Protein backbone atom coordinates (compact mmCIF):
# COMPACT_ATOMS: atom_id res chain seq x y z
CA UNK A 1 -0.11 0.45 0.00
CA UNK A 2 1.34 3.56 -1.03
CA UNK A 3 1.02 6.44 1.64
CA UNK A 4 -0.83 9.05 0.47
CA UNK A 5 2.53 11.18 0.57
CA UNK A 6 4.29 9.08 -1.97
CA UNK A 7 1.03 9.09 -4.02
CA UNK A 8 0.75 12.56 -4.12
CA UNK A 9 4.56 12.72 -4.80
CA UNK A 10 4.75 10.14 -7.97
CA UNK A 11 1.25 12.75 -9.35
CA UNK A 12 3.71 15.18 -8.97
CA UNK A 13 6.64 14.62 -11.27
CA UNK A 14 3.72 12.46 -13.23
CA UNK A 15 2.52 16.05 -13.94
CA UNK A 16 6.13 17.37 -14.67
CA UNK A 17 7.38 14.84 -16.54
CA UNK A 18 4.37 15.38 -18.64
CA UNK A 19 4.78 19.39 -18.56
CA UNK A 20 8.01 19.01 -20.12
CA UNK A 21 7.12 16.51 -23.12
CA UNK A 22 3.69 19.00 -23.78
CA UNK A 23 6.84 21.97 -24.05
CA UNK A 24 8.92 19.92 -26.51
CA UNK A 25 5.40 20.26 -29.66
CA UNK A 26 5.41 22.41 -31.33
CA UNK A 27 1.66 24.40 -32.26
CA UNK A 28 2.50 27.06 -34.00
CA UNK A 29 2.16 30.59 -33.20
CA UNK A 30 -1.77 30.38 -32.86
CA UNK A 31 -2.28 28.72 -30.09
CA UNK A 32 1.37 28.90 -28.12
CA UNK A 33 -0.28 31.08 -25.79
CA UNK A 34 -2.48 28.13 -24.51
CA UNK A 35 0.35 25.64 -24.83
CA UNK A 36 2.37 28.29 -23.04
CA UNK A 37 -0.80 28.72 -20.69
CA UNK A 38 -0.96 24.71 -20.22
CA UNK A 39 2.44 23.85 -20.32
CA UNK A 40 3.06 26.73 -16.42
CA UNK A 41 -0.92 25.73 -15.12
CA UNK A 42 0.55 21.59 -15.01
CA UNK A 43 3.66 22.50 -14.17
CA UNK A 44 2.19 24.38 -10.88
CA UNK A 45 0.32 21.59 -10.31
CA UNK A 46 3.09 19.66 -9.72
CA UNK A 47 4.70 22.00 -7.80
CA UNK A 48 1.39 21.57 -6.05
CA UNK A 49 1.16 18.39 -4.94
CA UNK A 50 4.68 18.37 -4.56
CA UNK A 51 4.11 20.75 -1.31
CA UNK A 52 1.20 18.51 -0.75
CA UNK A 53 3.33 15.10 -0.82
CA UNK A 54 5.75 16.93 1.72
CA UNK A 55 2.36 18.40 4.07
CA UNK A 56 1.77 14.87 4.45
CA UNK A 57 4.99 13.19 4.83
CA UNK A 58 5.25 15.62 7.50
CA UNK A 59 5.80 14.39 11.42
CA UNK A 60 2.51 16.57 12.38
CA UNK A 61 0.78 17.25 9.37
CA UNK A 62 -1.14 20.73 9.09
CA UNK A 63 -4.35 20.51 8.34
CA UNK A 64 -4.62 24.01 7.75
CA UNK A 65 -1.68 23.84 4.68
CA UNK A 66 -3.40 20.44 2.89
CA UNK A 67 -6.65 22.22 2.99
CA UNK A 68 -5.27 24.97 1.64
CA UNK A 69 -2.50 23.13 -1.18
CA UNK A 70 -5.71 20.87 -1.96
CA UNK A 71 -7.79 24.38 -1.78
CA UNK A 72 -5.20 25.78 -4.76
CA UNK A 73 -4.96 22.17 -6.40
CA UNK A 74 -8.47 21.52 -7.57
CA UNK A 75 -8.21 25.82 -9.10
CA UNK A 76 -5.64 24.67 -11.56
CA UNK A 77 -7.46 21.43 -11.99
CA UNK A 78 -10.52 23.64 -13.05
CA UNK A 79 -7.95 26.93 -14.74
CA UNK A 80 -6.04 23.01 -16.45
CA UNK A 81 -9.29 21.34 -17.88
CA UNK A 82 -10.43 24.83 -19.31
CA UNK A 83 -7.46 25.70 -21.37
CA UNK A 84 -7.93 21.53 -22.50
CA UNK A 85 -11.60 22.52 -23.95
CA UNK A 86 -9.86 24.52 -25.98
CA UNK A 87 -7.38 23.67 -27.11
CA UNK A 88 -9.50 20.31 -28.40
CA UNK A 89 -7.92 17.86 -25.50
CA UNK A 90 -10.51 16.14 -24.28
CA UNK A 91 -8.33 13.38 -23.16
CA UNK A 92 -6.10 16.61 -20.64
CA UNK A 93 -8.96 16.73 -18.96
CA UNK A 94 -9.65 15.91 -14.81
CA UNK A 95 -12.16 12.83 -14.39
CA UNK A 96 -13.85 14.26 -12.55
CA UNK A 97 -13.77 16.49 -9.42
CA UNK A 98 -15.07 16.93 -5.91
């Protein structure tokens, strides 16, 4: 069984790698702004998930910090979903948020 901290760290690494892969795609000038925003958002999520991993892995997890990070990650995910819709990348949307 994987701990919540380890799981959050894995999510962070996956998003970091995804942002790097998207950055290598040449999308042309007409889509570059959306593309750059998508990369920045994905990278921001990677940073947030890494911070969440650290917050969860502490000896005494800070519930206020965890709540703040969770809210930030939800907002980033919703923004990424909007960008994915604008760019026609339905497969890059989060499945569900609650």
